[in-house]
């Protein structure tokens, strides 16, 4: 017999490294940010945002599964793991926000110091 409470949540995985005609670097082992073009940096940040959203979906699914758990022991295990995941997610989220700010600052400094005459 199958139990309807044992639902498997499958998260969509990226199928390609190519987004809008641009090859997106591997988010686990990216090439140096300094060697990326502005478009590549934007695509890199977007892939990080997507990974962050998938992690949030997993945490939400774990919290939902905790409420649906049939035994107290499994609910406690799910709650502990969900709390650990949430703490790690919060740390990663803060680090990624700082990275985004640094990249925007870097881009602003690059544009500020570029020898480009806008008037021409």
N, C-alpha and C. Protein backbone atom coordinates (compact mmCIF):
# COMPACT_ATOMS: atom_id res chain seq x y z
N UNK A 1 0.83 -1.19 0.00
CA UNK A 1 0.00 0.00 0.00
C UNK A 1 0.88 1.25 0.00
N UNK A 2 0.37 2.24 -0.63
CA UNK A 2 1.12 3.50 -0.65
C UNK A 2 0.51 4.44 0.36
N UNK A 3 1.35 5.23 0.95
CA UNK A 3 0.91 6.21 1.92
C UNK A 3 0.94 7.58 1.25
N UNK A 4 -0.18 8.29 1.28
CA UNK A 4 -0.26 9.59 0.63
C UNK A 4 0.58 10.65 1.33
N UNK A 5 0.97 10.40 2.57
CA UNK A 5 1.78 11.38 3.29
C UNK A 5 3.24 11.35 2.87
N UNK A 6 3.66 10.31 2.17
CA UNK A 6 5.05 10.19 1.73
C UNK A 6 5.19 10.77 0.33
N UNK A 7 5.10 12.06 0.23
CA UNK A 7 5.20 12.73 -1.05
C UNK A 7 6.64 13.16 -1.28
N UNK A 8 7.12 12.95 -2.47
CA UNK A 8 8.47 13.35 -2.83
C UNK A 8 8.40 14.66 -3.58
N UNK A 9 9.16 15.61 -3.10
CA UNK A 9 9.21 16.92 -3.76
C UNK A 9 10.43 16.94 -4.66
N UNK A 10 10.19 17.10 -5.95
CA UNK A 10 11.30 17.17 -6.90
C UNK A 10 11.47 18.62 -7.31
N UNK A 11 12.67 19.10 -7.14
CA UNK A 11 12.98 20.47 -7.52
C UNK A 11 13.55 20.49 -8.91
N UNK A 12 13.19 21.51 -9.64
CA UNK A 12 13.70 21.61 -11.00
C UNK A 12 15.18 21.96 -10.96
N UNK A 13 15.92 21.29 -11.79
CA UNK A 13 17.35 21.51 -11.88
C UNK A 13 17.65 22.23 -13.18
N UNK A 14 18.63 23.10 -13.17
CA UNK A 14 18.98 23.77 -14.43
C UNK A 14 19.43 22.75 -15.46
N UNK A 15 18.97 22.94 -16.68
CA UNK A 15 19.28 21.97 -17.72
C UNK A 15 20.46 22.39 -18.58
N UNK A 16 20.80 23.66 -18.56
CA UNK A 16 21.84 24.12 -19.46
C UNK A 16 22.62 25.25 -18.82
N UNK A 17 23.86 25.41 -19.29
CA UNK A 17 24.68 26.52 -18.85
C UNK A 17 24.47 27.75 -19.72
N UNK A 18 23.64 27.64 -20.73
CA UNK A 18 23.46 28.73 -21.68
C UNK A 18 22.14 29.42 -21.38
N UNK A 19 22.24 30.71 -21.08
CA UNK A 19 21.06 31.52 -20.82
C UNK A 19 21.13 32.74 -21.72
N UNK A 20 20.10 32.93 -22.52
CA UNK A 20 20.02 34.08 -23.43
C UNK A 20 21.27 34.20 -24.30
N UNK A 21 21.78 33.06 -24.75
CA UNK A 21 22.92 33.07 -25.65
C UNK A 21 24.26 33.26 -24.97
N UNK A 22 24.28 33.38 -23.66
CA UNK A 22 25.53 33.58 -22.92
C UNK A 22 25.81 32.32 -22.12
N UNK A 23 27.03 31.84 -22.18
CA UNK A 23 27.41 30.66 -21.41
C UNK A 23 27.61 31.08 -19.96
N UNK A 24 26.81 30.49 -19.08
CA UNK A 24 26.89 30.81 -17.66
C UNK A 24 27.92 29.89 -17.04
N UNK A 25 28.77 30.46 -16.22
CA UNK A 25 29.81 29.68 -15.57
C UNK A 25 29.21 28.75 -14.53
N UNK A 26 29.93 27.71 -14.20
CA UNK A 26 29.50 26.78 -13.17
C UNK A 26 29.47 27.50 -11.83
N UNK A 27 28.32 27.54 -11.13
CA UNK A 27 28.24 28.30 -9.88
C UNK A 27 29.09 27.71 -8.76
N UNK A 28 29.46 26.44 -8.87
CA UNK A 28 30.28 25.82 -7.83
C UNK A 28 31.74 26.18 -8.01
N UNK A 29 32.21 26.19 -9.25
CA UNK A 29 33.60 26.53 -9.52
C UNK A 29 33.64 27.61 -10.61
N UNK A 30 33.27 28.82 -10.25
CA UNK A 30 33.23 29.86 -11.29
C UNK A 30 34.63 30.33 -11.65
N UNK A 31 34.71 30.93 -12.84
CA UNK A 31 35.99 31.56 -13.18
C UNK A 31 36.07 32.86 -12.38
N UNK A 32 37.21 33.47 -12.38
CA UNK A 32 37.43 34.67 -11.59
C UNK A 32 36.42 35.77 -11.97
N UNK A 33 35.87 36.41 -10.97
CA UNK A 33 34.91 37.49 -11.22
C UNK A 33 35.55 38.64 -11.98
N UNK A 34 36.83 38.84 -11.79
CA UNK A 34 37.52 39.92 -12.47
C UNK A 34 37.67 39.64 -13.96
N UNK A 35 37.62 38.36 -14.34
CA UNK A 35 37.73 38.00 -15.76
C UNK A 35 36.38 37.92 -16.45
N UNK A 36 35.30 38.14 -15.71
CA UNK A 36 33.97 38.05 -16.30
C UNK A 36 33.56 39.40 -16.88
N UNK A 37 32.79 39.34 -17.94
CA UNK A 37 32.19 40.56 -18.48
C UNK A 37 31.01 40.94 -17.59
N UNK A 38 30.46 42.12 -17.81
CA UNK A 38 29.30 42.55 -17.02
C UNK A 38 28.13 41.59 -17.20
N UNK A 39 27.93 41.12 -18.42
CA UNK A 39 26.84 40.18 -18.69
C UNK A 39 27.08 38.87 -17.96
N UNK A 40 28.31 38.38 -17.98
CA UNK A 40 28.63 37.14 -17.28
C UNK A 40 28.44 37.30 -15.78
N UNK A 41 28.83 38.46 -15.23
CA UNK A 41 28.61 38.71 -13.80
C UNK A 41 27.13 38.72 -13.48
N UNK A 42 26.32 39.35 -14.33
CA UNK A 42 24.88 39.38 -14.11
C UNK A 42 24.29 37.97 -14.16
N UNK A 43 24.73 37.18 -15.11
CA UNK A 43 24.24 35.81 -15.23
C UNK A 43 24.70 34.97 -14.04
N UNK A 44 25.92 35.21 -13.57
CA UNK A 44 26.42 34.51 -12.39
C UNK A 44 25.56 34.84 -11.18
N UNK A 45 25.26 36.12 -10.98
CA UNK A 45 24.41 36.52 -9.86
C UNK A 45 23.02 35.92 -9.99
N UNK A 46 22.49 35.87 -11.20
CA UNK A 46 21.16 35.29 -11.40
C UNK A 46 21.16 33.80 -11.06
N UNK A 47 22.22 33.10 -11.43
CA UNK A 47 22.28 31.67 -11.09
C UNK A 47 22.38 31.48 -9.58
N UNK A 48 23.08 32.38 -8.90
CA UNK A 48 23.14 32.30 -7.43
C UNK A 48 21.76 32.56 -6.83
N UNK A 49 21.05 33.53 -7.38
CA UNK A 49 19.68 33.80 -6.89
C UNK A 49 18.77 32.59 -7.10
N UNK A 50 18.90 31.93 -8.25
CA UNK A 50 18.09 30.75 -8.53
C UNK A 50 18.40 29.63 -7.53
N UNK A 51 19.68 29.44 -7.25
CA UNK A 51 20.07 28.41 -6.27
C UNK A 51 19.53 28.76 -4.89
N UNK A 52 19.53 30.04 -4.55
CA UNK A 52 19.00 30.49 -3.27
C UNK A 52 17.50 30.21 -3.19
N UNK A 53 16.78 30.44 -4.27
CA UNK A 53 15.34 30.17 -4.30
C UNK A 53 15.06 28.67 -4.16
N UNK A 54 15.86 27.83 -4.82
CA UNK A 54 15.67 26.40 -4.69
C UNK A 54 15.90 25.95 -3.25
N UNK A 55 16.90 26.52 -2.58
CA UNK A 55 17.15 26.18 -1.18
C UNK A 55 15.96 26.60 -0.31
N UNK A 56 15.41 27.77 -0.57
CA UNK A 56 14.25 28.24 0.20
C UNK A 56 13.05 27.31 -0.03
N UNK A 57 12.88 26.85 -1.26
CA UNK A 57 11.79 25.91 -1.56
C UNK A 57 11.97 24.61 -0.79
N UNK A 58 13.22 24.14 -0.68
CA UNK A 58 13.48 22.91 0.07
C UNK A 58 13.17 23.08 1.55
N UNK A 59 13.53 24.21 2.11
CA UNK A 59 13.25 24.48 3.52
C UNK A 59 11.74 24.53 3.74
N UNK A 60 11.05 25.19 2.85
CA UNK A 60 9.58 25.28 2.96
C UNK A 60 8.95 23.89 2.86
N UNK A 61 9.44 23.06 1.95
CA UNK A 61 8.93 21.70 1.81
C UNK A 61 9.18 20.89 3.07
N UNK A 62 10.34 21.07 3.69
CA UNK A 62 10.66 20.35 4.93
C UNK A 62 9.74 20.78 6.05
N UNK A 63 9.43 22.07 6.13
CA UNK A 63 8.52 22.54 7.17
C UNK A 63 7.12 21.98 6.95
N UNK A 64 6.70 21.91 5.69
CA UNK A 64 5.40 21.33 5.37
C UNK A 64 5.38 19.84 5.73
N UNK A 65 6.47 19.13 5.42
CA UNK A 65 6.56 17.70 5.72
C UNK A 65 6.54 17.47 7.23
N UNK A 66 7.11 18.41 7.99
CA UNK A 66 7.11 18.28 9.45
C UNK A 66 5.69 18.29 9.98
N UNK A 67 4.85 19.15 9.42
CA UNK A 67 3.46 19.22 9.86
C UNK A 67 2.67 17.98 9.45
N UNK A 68 3.10 17.32 8.38
CA UNK A 68 2.42 16.14 7.87
C UNK A 68 3.00 14.84 8.45
N UNK A 69 4.06 14.94 9.24
CA UNK A 69 4.74 13.73 9.74
C UNK A 69 3.79 12.93 10.63
N UNK A 70 3.86 11.60 10.47
CA UNK A 70 2.96 10.74 11.22
C UNK A 70 3.48 10.41 12.61
N UNK A 71 4.78 10.50 12.82
CA UNK A 71 5.32 10.20 14.14
C UNK A 71 6.04 11.41 14.72
N UNK A 72 6.09 11.47 16.01
CA UNK A 72 6.73 12.59 16.70
C UNK A 72 8.24 12.57 16.44
N UNK A 73 8.83 11.39 16.41
CA UNK A 73 10.28 11.27 16.18
C UNK A 73 10.67 11.83 14.82
N UNK A 74 9.90 11.49 13.79
CA UNK A 74 10.25 12.01 12.46
C UNK A 74 10.00 13.51 12.38
N UNK A 75 8.98 14.01 13.08
CA UNK A 75 8.72 15.44 13.10
C UNK A 75 9.86 16.20 13.77
N UNK A 76 10.40 15.62 14.84
CA UNK A 76 11.52 16.26 15.55
C UNK A 76 12.76 16.28 14.67
N UNK A 77 13.04 15.16 13.98
CA UNK A 77 14.19 15.10 13.08
C UNK A 77 14.06 16.13 11.96
N UNK A 78 12.87 16.19 11.37
CA UNK A 78 12.63 17.17 10.31
C UNK A 78 12.80 18.59 10.82
N UNK A 79 12.30 18.85 12.01
CA UNK A 79 12.40 20.20 12.57
C UNK A 79 13.86 20.58 12.81
N UNK A 80 14.64 19.67 13.35
CA UNK A 80 16.06 19.95 13.60
C UNK A 80 16.80 20.24 12.29
N UNK A 81 16.60 19.37 11.32
CA UNK A 81 17.29 19.57 10.04
C UNK A 81 16.81 20.86 9.36
N UNK A 82 15.52 21.14 9.46
CA UNK A 82 15.00 22.37 8.85
C UNK A 82 15.60 23.60 9.54
N UNK A 83 15.75 23.55 10.85
CA UNK A 83 16.35 24.67 11.57
C UNK A 83 17.82 24.84 11.18
N UNK A 84 18.55 23.73 11.06
CA UNK A 84 19.95 23.81 10.62
C UNK A 84 20.04 24.39 9.22
N UNK A 85 19.19 23.90 8.35
CA UNK A 85 19.18 24.41 6.98
C UNK A 85 18.83 25.88 6.93
N UNK A 86 17.87 26.31 7.76
CA UNK A 86 17.47 27.72 7.78
C UNK A 86 18.61 28.60 8.26
N UNK A 87 19.34 28.16 9.29
CA UNK A 87 20.48 28.94 9.78
C UNK A 87 21.56 29.06 8.70
N UNK A 88 21.86 27.94 8.04
CA UNK A 88 22.86 27.96 6.99
C UNK A 88 22.40 28.82 5.81
N UNK A 89 21.12 28.73 5.49
CA UNK A 89 20.55 29.54 4.41
C UNK A 89 20.66 31.02 4.73
N UNK A 90 20.38 31.40 5.98
CA UNK A 90 20.49 32.81 6.38
C UNK A 90 21.92 33.31 6.25
N UNK A 91 22.89 32.48 6.67
CA UNK A 91 24.31 32.87 6.52
C UNK A 91 24.67 33.04 5.05
N UNK A 92 24.27 32.08 4.24
CA UNK A 92 24.59 32.14 2.81
C UNK A 92 23.91 33.33 2.15
N UNK A 93 22.69 33.60 2.55
CA UNK A 93 21.94 34.72 1.99
C UNK A 93 22.65 36.04 2.29
N UNK A 94 23.11 36.21 3.52
CA UNK A 94 23.84 37.44 3.88
C UNK A 94 25.13 37.56 3.08
N UNK A 95 25.84 36.44 2.94
CA UNK A 95 27.09 36.46 2.18
C UNK A 95 26.83 36.81 0.72
N UNK A 96 25.79 36.26 0.14
CA UNK A 96 25.47 36.55 -1.26
C UNK A 96 25.03 38.00 -1.45
N UNK A 97 24.33 38.55 -0.48
CA UNK A 97 23.95 39.96 -0.56
C UNK A 97 25.19 40.85 -0.52
N UNK A 98 26.14 40.51 0.35
CA UNK A 98 27.39 41.28 0.41
C UNK A 98 28.16 41.15 -0.90
N UNK A 99 28.17 39.95 -1.48
CA UNK A 99 28.84 39.74 -2.77
C UNK A 99 28.20 40.61 -3.84
N UNK A 100 26.88 40.64 -3.90
CA UNK A 100 26.20 41.47 -4.88
C UNK A 100 26.57 42.94 -4.71
N UNK A 101 26.57 43.42 -3.48
CA UNK A 101 26.93 44.82 -3.22
C UNK A 101 28.35 45.10 -3.68
N UNK A 102 29.27 44.18 -3.38
CA UNK A 102 30.66 44.36 -3.79
C UNK A 102 30.80 44.39 -5.30
N UNK A 103 30.07 43.51 -5.99
CA UNK A 103 30.14 43.49 -7.45
C UNK A 103 29.59 44.78 -8.04
N UNK A 104 28.50 45.29 -7.48
CA UNK A 104 27.95 46.55 -7.97
C UNK A 104 28.91 47.71 -7.70
N UNK A 105 29.55 47.69 -6.53
CA UNK A 105 30.55 48.72 -6.23
C UNK A 105 31.73 48.62 -7.19
N UNK A 106 32.17 47.39 -7.46
CA UNK A 106 33.27 47.18 -8.40
C UNK A 106 32.91 47.69 -9.77
N UNK A 107 31.70 47.38 -10.21
CA UNK A 107 31.25 47.84 -11.53
C UNK A 107 31.17 49.36 -11.57
N UNK A 108 30.69 49.97 -10.49
CA UNK A 108 30.59 51.43 -10.44
C UNK A 108 31.97 52.07 -10.50
N UNK A 109 32.93 51.51 -9.74
CA UNK A 109 34.29 52.04 -9.78
C UNK A 109 34.92 51.86 -11.15
N UNK A 110 34.65 50.72 -11.78
CA UNK A 110 35.18 50.48 -13.12
C UNK A 110 34.65 51.52 -14.10
N UNK A 111 33.34 51.76 -14.04
CA UNK A 111 32.75 52.75 -14.94
C UNK A 111 33.22 54.17 -14.62
N UNK A 112 33.42 54.44 -13.34
CA UNK A 112 33.86 55.78 -12.92
C UNK A 112 35.27 56.07 -13.42
N UNK A 113 36.14 55.05 -13.41
CA UNK A 113 37.54 55.27 -13.77
C UNK A 113 37.83 54.92 -15.21
N UNK A 114 36.84 54.55 -15.97
CA UNK A 114 37.06 54.23 -17.38
C UNK A 114 37.29 55.52 -18.15
N UNK A 115 38.16 55.44 -19.11
CA UNK A 115 38.46 56.62 -19.93
C UNK A 115 37.50 56.70 -21.11
N UNK A 116 36.25 56.79 -20.79
CA UNK A 116 35.22 56.85 -21.83
C UNK A 116 34.63 58.24 -21.83
N UNK A 117 34.66 58.89 -23.00
CA UNK A 117 34.07 60.22 -23.14
C UNK A 117 32.62 60.04 -23.60
N UNK A 118 31.70 60.28 -22.71
CA UNK A 118 30.29 60.05 -22.99
C UNK A 118 29.78 61.09 -23.99
N UNK A 119 30.38 62.25 -24.04
CA UNK A 119 29.91 63.32 -24.92
C UNK A 119 30.13 63.08 -26.40
N UNK A 120 30.95 62.12 -26.75
CA UNK A 120 31.24 61.88 -28.18
C UNK A 120 30.29 60.90 -28.78
